[in-house]
Amino acid sequence: MTLVELLVLLLVAGVCGAIGQAIAGFSRGGCLVSIALGFIGALVGTWMAGALGLPELLPIQVGGQAFPIVWSIIGAMVVVVVVGLLTGGRRA
């Protein structure tokens, strides 16, 4: 994976994490938190999709790796809601 591919992957993960935060209605930080949420959301969302037998929706190829956009957003949203419920939450 080249530096440009890594930067594109970080950008896509950040956007997915930010969208997940916006949908959930909780804000937990800035750009780095959104990037982390994008990656964690991709893991959680892909796991949920596999457990339910659902297909991978809207994957993009970055450096030969598929990044699931829809499942990343849904996973980030689930993670933000769970963290918000556990910590009392702060509305955006």
PDB file of N, CA and C in Angstrom:
ATOM      1  N   MET A   1       0.852  -1.169   0.000  1.00  0.00           N
ATOM      2  CA  MET A   1       0.000   0.000   0.000  1.00  0.00           C
ATOM      3  C   MET A   1       0.901   1.236   0.000  1.00  0.00           C
ATOM      4  N   THR A   2       0.641   2.126  -0.921  1.00  0.00           N
ATOM      5  CA  THR A   2       1.436   3.345  -1.018  1.00  0.00           C
ATOM      6  C   THR A   2       0.907   4.401  -0.061  1.00  0.00           C
ATOM      7  N   LEU A   3       1.660   5.475   0.065  1.00  0.00           N
ATOM      8  CA  LEU A   3       1.256   6.565   0.959  1.00  0.00           C
ATOM      9  C   LEU A   3      -0.045   7.206   0.491  1.00  0.00           C
ATOM     10  N   VAL A   4      -0.193   7.372  -0.816  1.00  0.00           N
ATOM     11  CA  VAL A   4      -1.420   7.977  -1.359  1.00  0.00           C
ATOM     12  C   VAL A   4      -2.619   7.074  -1.067  1.00  0.00           C
ATOM     13  N   GLU A   5      -2.460   5.766  -1.238  1.00  0.00           N
ATOM     14  CA  GLU A   5      -3.557   4.841  -0.946  1.00  0.00           C
ATOM     15  C   GLU A   5      -3.925   4.877   0.524  1.00  0.00           C
ATOM     16  N   LEU A   6      -2.930   4.972   1.404  1.00  0.00           N
ATOM     17  CA  LEU A   6      -3.195   5.065   2.837  1.00  0.00           C
ATOM     18  C   LEU A   6      -3.949   6.342   3.172  1.00  0.00           C
ATOM     19  N   LEU A   7      -3.546   7.456   2.573  1.00  0.00           N
ATOM     20  CA  LEU A   7      -4.236   8.721   2.822  1.00  0.00           C
ATOM     21  C   LEU A   7      -5.675   8.687   2.323  1.00  0.00           C
ATOM     22  N   VAL A   8      -5.902   8.053   1.165  1.00  0.00           N
ATOM     23  CA  VAL A   8      -7.267   7.917   0.647  1.00  0.00           C
ATOM     24  C   VAL A   8      -8.092   7.049   1.583  1.00  0.00           C
ATOM     25  N   LEU A   9      -7.504   5.971   2.077  1.00  0.00           N
ATOM     26  CA  LEU A   9      -8.212   5.092   3.006  1.00  0.00           C
ATOM     27  C   LEU A   9      -8.555   5.824   4.299  1.00  0.00           C
ATOM     28  N   LEU A  10      -7.630   6.626   4.812  1.00  0.00           N
ATOM     29  CA  LEU A  10      -7.907   7.414   6.018  1.00  0.00           C
ATOM     30  C   LEU A  10      -9.009   8.435   5.772  1.00  0.00           C
ATOM     31  N   LEU A  11      -8.999   9.053   4.596  1.00  0.00           N
ATOM     32  CA  LEU A  11     -10.036  10.025   4.251  1.00  0.00           C
ATOM     33  C   LEU A  11     -11.409   9.365   4.175  1.00  0.00           C
ATOM     34  N   VAL A  12     -11.480   8.219   3.519  1.00  0.00           N
ATOM     35  CA  VAL A  12     -12.757   7.501   3.390  1.00  0.00           C
ATOM     36  C   VAL A  12     -13.252   7.054   4.763  1.00  0.00           C
ATOM     37  N   ALA A  13     -12.353   6.520   5.592  1.00  0.00           N
ATOM     38  CA  ALA A  13     -12.742   6.094   6.940  1.00  0.00           C
ATOM     39  C   ALA A  13     -13.214   7.278   7.774  1.00  0.00           C
ATOM     40  N   GLY A  14     -12.550   8.422   7.635  1.00  0.00           N
ATOM     41  CA  GLY A  14     -12.960   9.618   8.378  1.00  0.00           C
ATOM     42  C   GLY A  14     -14.337  10.099   7.980  1.00  0.00           C
ATOM     43  N   VAL A  15     -14.616  10.085   6.693  1.00  0.00           N
ATOM     44  CA  VAL A  15     -15.941  10.504   6.213  1.00  0.00           C
ATOM     45  C   VAL A  15     -17.011   9.531   6.707  1.00  0.00           C
ATOM     46  N   CYS A  16     -16.733   8.240   6.624  1.00  0.00           N
ATOM     47  CA  CYS A  16     -17.706   7.249   7.101  1.00  0.00           C
ATOM     48  C   CYS A  16     -17.955   7.386   8.601  1.00  0.00           C
ATOM     49  N   GLY A  17     -16.892   7.612   9.372  1.00  0.00           N
ATOM     50  CA  GLY A  17     -17.044   7.808  10.817  1.00  0.00           C
ATOM     51  C   GLY A  17     -17.828   9.065  11.145  1.00  0.00           C
ATOM     52  N   ALA A  18     -17.567  10.148  10.402  1.00  0.00           N
ATOM     53  CA  ALA A  18     -18.295  11.400  10.632  1.00  0.00           C
ATOM     54  C   ALA A  18     -19.776  11.253  10.290  1.00  0.00           C
ATOM     55  N   ILE A  19     -20.077  10.546   9.217  1.00  0.00           N
ATOM     56  CA  ILE A  19     -21.480  10.312   8.842  1.00  0.00           C
ATOM     57  C   ILE A  19     -22.166   9.457   9.904  1.00  0.00           C
ATOM     58  N   GLY A  20     -21.466   8.434  10.401  1.00  0.00           N
ATOM     59  CA  GLY A  20     -22.021   7.593  11.470  1.00  0.00           C
ATOM     60  C   GLY A  20     -22.309   8.396  12.719  1.00  0.00           C
ATOM     61  N   GLN A  21     -21.407   9.323  13.076  1.00  0.00           N
ATOM     62  CA  GLN A  21     -21.636  10.188  14.236  1.00  0.00           C
ATOM     63  C   GLN A  21     -22.826  11.100  14.007  1.00  0.00           C
ATOM     64  N   ALA A  22     -22.941  11.650  12.815  1.00  0.00           N
ATOM     65  CA  ALA A  22     -24.044  12.569  12.516  1.00  0.00           C
ATOM     66  C   ALA A  22     -25.385  11.856  12.569  1.00  0.00           C
ATOM     67  N   ILE A  23     -25.437  10.656  12.038  1.00  0.00           N
ATOM     68  CA  ILE A  23     -26.696   9.893  12.058  1.00  0.00           C
ATOM     69  C   ILE A  23     -27.064   9.523  13.489  1.00  0.00           C
ATOM     70  N   ALA A  24     -26.076   9.111  14.282  1.00  0.00           N
ATOM     71  CA  ALA A  24     -26.349   8.708  15.666  1.00  0.00           C
ATOM     72  C   ALA A  24     -26.709   9.898  16.541  1.00  0.00           C
ATOM     73  N   GLY A  25     -26.247  11.095  16.186  1.00  0.00           N
ATOM     74  CA  GLY A  25     -26.587  12.285  16.947  1.00  0.00           C
ATOM     75  C   GLY A  25     -25.671  12.573  18.108  1.00  0.00           C
ATOM     76  N   PHE A  26     -24.558  11.876  18.203  1.00  0.00           N
ATOM     77  CA  PHE A  26     -23.591  12.111  19.267  1.00  0.00           C
ATOM     78  C   PHE A  26     -22.264  12.512  18.644  1.00  0.00           C
ATOM     79  N   SER A  27     -21.556  13.407  19.310  1.00  0.00           N
ATOM     80  CA  SER A  27     -20.247  13.834  18.838  1.00  0.00           C
ATOM     81  C   SER A  27     -19.215  13.476  19.895  1.00  0.00           C
ATOM     82  N   ARG A  28     -18.207  12.736  19.502  1.00  0.00           N
ATOM     83  CA  ARG A  28     -17.198  12.285  20.446  1.00  0.00           C
ATOM     84  C   ARG A  28     -15.812  12.818  20.157  1.00  0.00           C
ATOM     85  N   GLY A  29     -15.642  13.739  19.259  1.00  0.00           N
ATOM     86  CA  GLY A  29     -14.313  14.254  19.001  1.00  0.00           C
ATOM     87  C   GLY A  29     -14.165  14.757  17.582  1.00  0.00           C
ATOM     88  N   GLY A  30     -12.924  14.925  17.190  1.00  0.00           N
ATOM     89  CA  GLY A  30     -12.624  15.522  15.903  1.00  0.00           C
ATOM     90  C   GLY A  30     -12.314  14.510  14.823  1.00  0.00           C
ATOM     91  N   CYS A  31     -11.375  14.888  13.987  1.00  0.00           N
ATOM     92  CA  CYS A  31     -11.035  14.126  12.789  1.00  0.00           C
ATOM     93  C   CYS A  31     -10.461  12.746  13.127  1.00  0.00           C
ATOM     94  N   LEU A  32      -9.563  12.677  14.096  1.00  0.00           N
ATOM     95  CA  LEU A  32      -8.954  11.394  14.441  1.00  0.00           C
ATOM     96  C   LEU A  32      -9.978  10.420  15.003  1.00  0.00           C
ATOM     97  N   VAL A  33     -10.908  10.917  15.775  1.00  0.00           N
ATOM     98  CA  VAL A  33     -11.972  10.065  16.309  1.00  0.00           C
ATOM     99  C   VAL A  33     -12.851   9.564  15.175  1.00  0.00           C
ATOM    100  N   SER A  34     -13.136  10.412  14.201  1.00  0.00           N
ATOM    101  CA  SER A  34     -13.945   9.999  13.054  1.00  0.00           C
ATOM    102  C   SER A  34     -13.237   8.924  12.237  1.00  0.00           C
ATOM    103  N   ILE A  35     -11.931   9.056  12.057  1.00  0.00           N
ATOM    104  CA  ILE A  35     -11.161   8.046  11.327  1.00  0.00           C
ATOM    105  C   ILE A  35     -11.195   6.721  12.083  1.00  0.00           C
ATOM    106  N   ALA A  36     -10.967   6.778  13.388  1.00  0.00           N
ATOM    107  CA  ALA A  36     -11.007   5.556  14.198  1.00  0.00           C
ATOM    108  C   ALA A  36     -12.393   4.925  14.147  1.00  0.00           C
ATOM    109  N   LEU A  37     -13.439   5.745  14.229  1.00  0.00           N
ATOM    110  CA  LEU A  37     -14.800   5.226  14.151  1.00  0.00           C
ATOM    111  C   LEU A  37     -15.077   4.594  12.797  1.00  0.00           C
ATOM    112  N   GLY A  38     -14.522   5.169  11.738  1.00  0.00           N
ATOM    113  CA  GLY A  38     -14.696   4.586  10.410  1.00  0.00           C
ATOM    114  C   GLY A  38     -14.118   3.194  10.325  1.00  0.00           C
ATOM    115  N   PHE A  39     -12.905   3.007  10.855  1.00  0.00           N
ATOM    116  CA  PHE A  39     -12.278   1.687  10.831  1.00  0.00           C
ATOM    117  C   PHE A  39     -12.978   0.703  11.771  1.00  0.00           C
ATOM    118  N   ILE A  40     -13.279   1.149  12.982  1.00  0.00           N
ATOM    119  CA  ILE A  40     -13.995   0.281  13.931  1.00  0.00           C
ATOM    120  C   ILE A  40     -15.384  -0.042  13.389  1.00  0.00           C
ATOM    121  N   GLY A  41     -16.025   0.952  12.805  1.00  0.00           N
ATOM    122  CA  GLY A  41     -17.338   0.732  12.201  1.00  0.00           C
ATOM    123  C   GLY A  41     -17.287  -0.265  11.062  1.00  0.00           C
ATOM    124  N   ALA A  42     -16.212  -0.238  10.272  1.00  0.00           N
ATOM    125  CA  ALA A  42     -16.068  -1.213   9.197  1.00  0.00           C
ATOM    126  C   ALA A  42     -15.955  -2.627   9.762  1.00  0.00           C
ATOM    127  N   LEU A  43     -15.222  -2.775  10.852  1.00  0.00           N
ATOM    128  CA  LEU A  43     -15.099  -4.100  11.478  1.00  0.00           C
ATOM    129  C   LEU A  43     -16.428  -4.567  12.063  1.00  0.00           C
ATOM    130  N   VAL A  44     -17.073  -3.697  12.827  1.00  0.00           N
ATOM    131  CA  VAL A  44     -18.344  -4.053  13.463  1.00  0.00           C
ATOM    132  C   VAL A  44     -19.434  -4.281  12.413  1.00  0.00           C
ATOM    133  N   GLY A  45     -19.509  -3.385  11.453  1.00  0.00           N
ATOM    134  CA  GLY A  45     -20.535  -3.509  10.419  1.00  0.00           C
ATOM    135  C   GLY A  45     -20.366  -4.745   9.558  1.00  0.00           C
ATOM    136  N   THR A  46     -19.117  -5.052   9.179  1.00  0.00           N
ATOM    137  CA  THR A  46     -18.862  -6.254   8.382  1.00  0.00           C
ATOM    138  C   THR A  46     -19.179  -7.505   9.188  1.00  0.00           C
ATOM    139  N   TRP A  47     -18.856  -7.494  10.474  1.00  0.00           N
ATOM    140  CA  TRP A  47     -19.183  -8.632  11.328  1.00  0.00           C
ATOM    141  C   TRP A  47     -20.697  -8.818  11.430  1.00  0.00           C
ATOM    142  N   MET A  48     -21.425  -7.709  11.629  1.00  0.00           N
ATOM    143  CA  MET A  48     -22.890  -7.786  11.712  1.00  0.00           C
ATOM    144  C   MET A  48     -23.480  -8.300  10.399  1.00  0.00           C
ATOM    145  N   ALA A  49     -22.971  -7.824   9.280  1.00  0.00           N
ATOM    146  CA  ALA A  49     -23.472  -8.258   7.974  1.00  0.00           C
ATOM    147  C   ALA A  49     -23.216  -9.746   7.769  1.00  0.00           C
ATOM    148  N   GLY A  50     -22.028 -10.204   8.166  1.00  0.00           N
ATOM    149  CA  GLY A  50     -21.720 -11.630   8.040  1.00  0.00           C
ATOM    150  C   GLY A  50     -22.591 -12.486   8.939  1.00  0.00           C
ATOM    151  N   ALA A  51     -22.855 -12.004  10.151  1.00  0.00           N
ATOM    152  CA  ALA A  51     -23.697 -12.755  11.086  1.00  0.00           C
ATOM    153  C   ALA A  51     -25.135 -12.851  10.591  1.00  0.00           C
ATOM    154  N   LEU A  52     -25.596 -11.826   9.888  1.00  0.00           N
ATOM    155  CA  LEU A  52     -26.963 -11.815   9.367  1.00  0.00           C
ATOM    156  C   LEU A  52     -27.055 -12.359   7.946  1.00  0.00           C
ATOM    157  N   GLY A  53     -25.914 -12.692   7.347  1.00  0.00           N
ATOM    158  CA  GLY A  53     -25.904 -13.221   5.991  1.00  0.00           C
ATOM    159  C   GLY A  53     -26.213 -12.177   4.926  1.00  0.00           C
ATOM    160  N   LEU A  54     -25.860 -10.926   5.180  1.00  0.00           N
ATOM    161  CA  LEU A  54     -26.129  -9.848   4.234  1.00  0.00           C
ATOM    162  C   LEU A  54     -24.917  -9.611   3.342  1.00  0.00           C
ATOM    163  N   PRO A  55     -25.125  -9.133   2.114  1.00  0.00           N
ATOM    164  CA  PRO A  55     -24.000  -8.914   1.200  1.00  0.00           C
ATOM    165  C   PRO A  55     -23.238  -7.637   1.547  1.00  0.00           C
ATOM    166  N   GLU A  56     -22.034  -7.528   1.013  1.00  0.00           N
ATOM    167  CA  GLU A  56     -21.230  -6.322   1.192  1.00  0.00           C
ATOM    168  C   GLU A  56     -21.777  -5.250   0.264  1.00  0.00           C
ATOM    169  N   LEU A  57     -22.168  -4.109   0.842  1.00  0.00           N
ATOM    170  CA  LEU A  57     -22.783  -3.044   0.065  1.00  0.00           C
ATOM    171  C   LEU A  57     -21.798  -1.920  -0.202  1.00  0.00           C
ATOM    172  N   LEU A  58     -21.732  -1.478  -1.424  1.00  0.00           N
ATOM    173  CA  LEU A  58     -20.951  -0.333  -1.872  1.00  0.00           C
ATOM    174  C   LEU A  58     -19.493  -0.373  -1.403  1.00  0.00           C
ATOM    175  N   PRO A  59     -18.774  -1.449  -1.722  1.00  0.00           N
ATOM    176  CA  PRO A  59     -17.353  -1.460  -1.347  1.00  0.00           C
ATOM    177  C   PRO A  59     -16.534  -0.641  -2.346  1.00  0.00           C
ATOM    178  N   ILE A  60     -15.493   0.007  -1.866  1.00  0.00           N
ATOM    179  CA  ILE A  60     -14.567   0.673  -2.772  1.00  0.00           C
ATOM    180  C   ILE A  60     -13.211  -0.009  -2.630  1.00  0.00           C
ATOM    181  N   GLN A  61     -12.468  -0.054  -3.710  1.00  0.00           N
ATOM    182  CA  GLN A  61     -11.153  -0.687  -3.713  1.00  0.00           C
ATOM    183  C   GLN A  61     -10.089   0.376  -3.461  1.00  0.00           C
ATOM    184  N   VAL A  62      -9.314   0.200  -2.401  1.00  0.00           N
ATOM    185  CA  VAL A  62      -8.200   1.093  -2.084  1.00  0.00           C
ATOM    186  C   VAL A  62      -6.986   0.217  -1.835  1.00  0.00           C
ATOM    187  N   GLY A  63      -6.020   0.292  -2.729  1.00  0.00           N
ATOM    188  CA  GLY A  63      -4.803  -0.494  -2.557  1.00  0.00           C
ATOM    189  C   GLY A  63      -5.037  -1.987  -2.601  1.00  0.00           C
ATOM    190  N   GLY A  64      -5.987  -2.424  -3.401  1.00  0.00           N
ATOM    191  CA  GLY A  64      -6.282  -3.844  -3.500  1.00  0.00           C
ATOM    192  C   GLY A  64      -7.161  -4.377  -2.383  1.00  0.00           C
ATOM    193  N   GLN A  65      -7.562  -3.537  -1.467  1.00  0.00           N
ATOM    194  CA  GLN A  65      -8.428  -3.933  -0.356  1.00  0.00           C
ATOM    195  C   GLN A  65      -9.801  -3.312  -0.547  1.00  0.00           C
ATOM    196  N   ALA A  66     -10.832  -4.057  -0.230  1.00  0.00           N
ATOM    197  CA  ALA A  66     -12.200  -3.535  -0.312  1.00  0.00           C
ATOM    198  C   ALA A  66     -12.567  -2.885   1.026  1.00  0.00           C
ATOM    199  N   PHE A  67     -13.098  -1.666   0.966  1.00  0.00           N
ATOM    200  CA  PHE A  67     -13.554  -0.968   2.167  1.00  0.00           C
ATOM    201  C   PHE A  67     -15.064  -0.813   2.058  1.00  0.00           C
ATOM    202  N   PRO A  68     -15.836  -1.460   2.953  1.00  0.00           N
ATOM    203  CA  PRO A  68     -17.295  -1.446   2.862  1.00  0.00           C
ATOM    204  C   PRO A  68     -17.882  -0.130   3.391  1.00  0.00           C
ATOM    205  N   ILE A  69     -18.296   0.735   2.498  1.00  0.00           N
ATOM    206  CA  ILE A  69     -18.784   2.061   2.871  1.00  0.00           C
ATOM    207  C   ILE A  69     -20.039   1.970   3.752  1.00  0.00           C
ATOM    208  N   VAL A  70     -21.052   1.275   3.279  1.00  0.00           N
ATOM    209  CA  VAL A  70     -22.339   1.220   3.989  1.00  0.00           C
ATOM    210  C   VAL A  70     -22.174   0.566   5.360  1.00  0.00           C
ATOM    211  N   TRP A  71     -21.453  -0.560   5.415  1.00  0.00           N
ATOM    212  CA  TRP A  71     -21.303  -1.246   6.696  1.00  0.00           C
ATOM    213  C   TRP A  71     -20.411  -0.462   7.650  1.00  0.00           C
ATOM    214  N   SER A  72     -19.487   0.318   7.119  1.00  0.00           N
ATOM    215  CA  SER A  72     -18.666   1.164   7.965  1.00  0.00           C
ATOM    216  C   SER A  72     -19.511   2.257   8.624  1.00  0.00           C
ATOM    217  N   ILE A  73     -20.406   2.857   7.867  1.00  0.00           N
ATOM    218  CA  ILE A  73     -21.283   3.898   8.419  1.00  0.00           C
ATOM    219  C   ILE A  73     -22.225   3.305   9.456  1.00  0.00           C
ATOM    220  N   ILE A  74     -22.824   2.168   9.137  1.00  0.00           N
ATOM    221  CA  ILE A  74     -23.760   1.521  10.079  1.00  0.00           C
ATOM    222  C   ILE A  74     -23.019   1.073  11.336  1.00  0.00           C
ATOM    223  N   GLY A  75     -21.834   0.485  11.173  1.00  0.00           N
ATOM    224  CA  GLY A  75     -21.046   0.053  12.321  1.00  0.00           C
ATOM    225  C   GLY A  75     -20.612   1.220  13.193  1.00  0.00           C
ATOM    226  N   ALA A  76     -20.184   2.325  12.559  1.00  0.00           N
ATOM    227  CA  ALA A  76     -19.792   3.512  13.323  1.00  0.00           C
ATOM    228  C   ALA A  76     -20.979   4.063  14.095  1.00  0.00           C
ATOM    229  N   MET A  77     -22.144   4.050  13.472  1.00  0.00           N
ATOM    230  CA  MET A  77     -23.349   4.529  14.134  1.00  0.00           C
ATOM    231  C   MET A  77     -23.665   3.661  15.361  1.00  0.00           C
ATOM    232  N   VAL A  78     -23.560   2.362  15.217  1.00  0.00           N
ATOM    233  CA  VAL A  78     -23.825   1.453  16.340  1.00  0.00           C
ATOM    234  C   VAL A  78     -22.817   1.690  17.466  1.00  0.00           C
ATOM    235  N   VAL A  79     -21.542   1.826  17.125  1.00  0.00           N
ATOM    236  CA  VAL A  79     -20.508   2.053  18.137  1.00  0.00           C
ATOM    237  C   VAL A  79     -20.764   3.367  18.867  1.00  0.00           C
ATOM    238  N   VAL A  80     -21.103   4.423  18.142  1.00  0.00           N
ATOM    239  CA  VAL A  80     -21.356   5.726  18.768  1.00  0.00           C
ATOM    240  C   VAL A  80     -22.566   5.660  19.689  1.00  0.00           C
ATOM    241  N   VAL A  81     -23.613   4.983  19.271  1.00  0.00           N
ATOM    242  CA  VAL A  81     -24.816   4.859  20.115  1.00  0.00           C
ATOM    243  C   VAL A  81     -24.500   4.083  21.387  1.00  0.00           C
ATOM    244  N   VAL A  82     -23.766   2.978  21.267  1.00  0.00           N
ATOM    245  CA  VAL A  82     -23.418   2.182  22.447  1.00  0.00           C
ATOM    246  C   VAL A  82     -22.542   2.995  23.401  1.00  0.00           C
ATOM    247  N   VAL A  83     -21.529   3.686  22.879  1.00  0.00           N
ATOM    248  CA  VAL A  83     -20.673   4.513  23.736  1.00  0.00           C
ATOM    249  C   VAL A  83     -21.482   5.638  24.369  1.00  0.00           C
ATOM    250  N   GLY A  84     -22.383   6.236  23.612  1.00  0.00           N
ATOM    251  CA  GLY A  84     -23.234   7.294  24.160  1.00  0.00           C
ATOM    252  C   GLY A  84     -24.128   6.795  25.276  1.00  0.00           C
ATOM    253  N   LEU A  85     -24.679   5.606  25.113  1.00  0.00           N
ATOM    254  CA  LEU A  85     -25.531   5.023  26.156  1.00  0.00           C
ATOM    255  C   LEU A  85     -24.731   4.676  27.411  1.00  0.00           C
ATOM    256  N   LEU A  86     -23.503   4.185  27.219  1.00  0.00           N
ATOM    257  CA  LEU A  86     -22.685   3.789  28.361  1.00  0.00           C
ATOM    258  C   LEU A  86     -22.126   4.985  29.133  1.00  0.00           C
ATOM    259  N   THR A  87     -21.847   6.076  28.439  1.00  0.00           N
ATOM    260  CA  THR A  87     -21.222   7.215  29.092  1.00  0.00           C
ATOM    261  C   THR A  87     -22.184   8.358  29.391  1.00  0.00           C
ATOM    262  N   GLY A  88     -23.421   8.202  29.058  1.00  0.00           N
ATOM    263  CA  GLY A  88     -24.387   9.268  29.313  1.00  0.00           C
ATOM    264  C   GLY A  88     -24.577  10.147  28.105  1.00  0.00           C
ATOM    265  N   GLY A  89     -23.630  10.144  27.193  1.00  0.00           N
ATOM    266  CA  GLY A  89     -23.782  10.840  25.919  1.00  0.00           C
ATOM    267  C   GLY A  89     -23.750  12.347  26.008  1.00  0.00           C
ATOM    268  N   ARG A  90     -23.390  12.916  24.896  1.00  0.00           N
ATOM    269  CA  ARG A  90     -23.396  14.363  24.738  1.00  0.00           C
ATOM    270  C   ARG A  90     -23.983  14.618  23.356  1.00  0.00           C
ATOM    271  N   ARG A  91     -25.077  15.319  23.317  1.00  0.00           N
ATOM    272  CA  ARG A  91     -25.758  15.571  22.035  1.00  0.00           C
ATOM    273  C   ARG A  91     -24.906  16.466  21.164  1.00  0.00           C
ATOM    274  N   ALA A  92     -24.937  16.202  19.857  1.00  0.00           N
ATOM    275  CA  ALA A  92     -24.175  17.017  18.902  1.00  0.00           C
ATOM    276  C   ALA A  92     -24.862  18.334  18.662  1.00  0.00           C
TER     277      ALA A  92
END
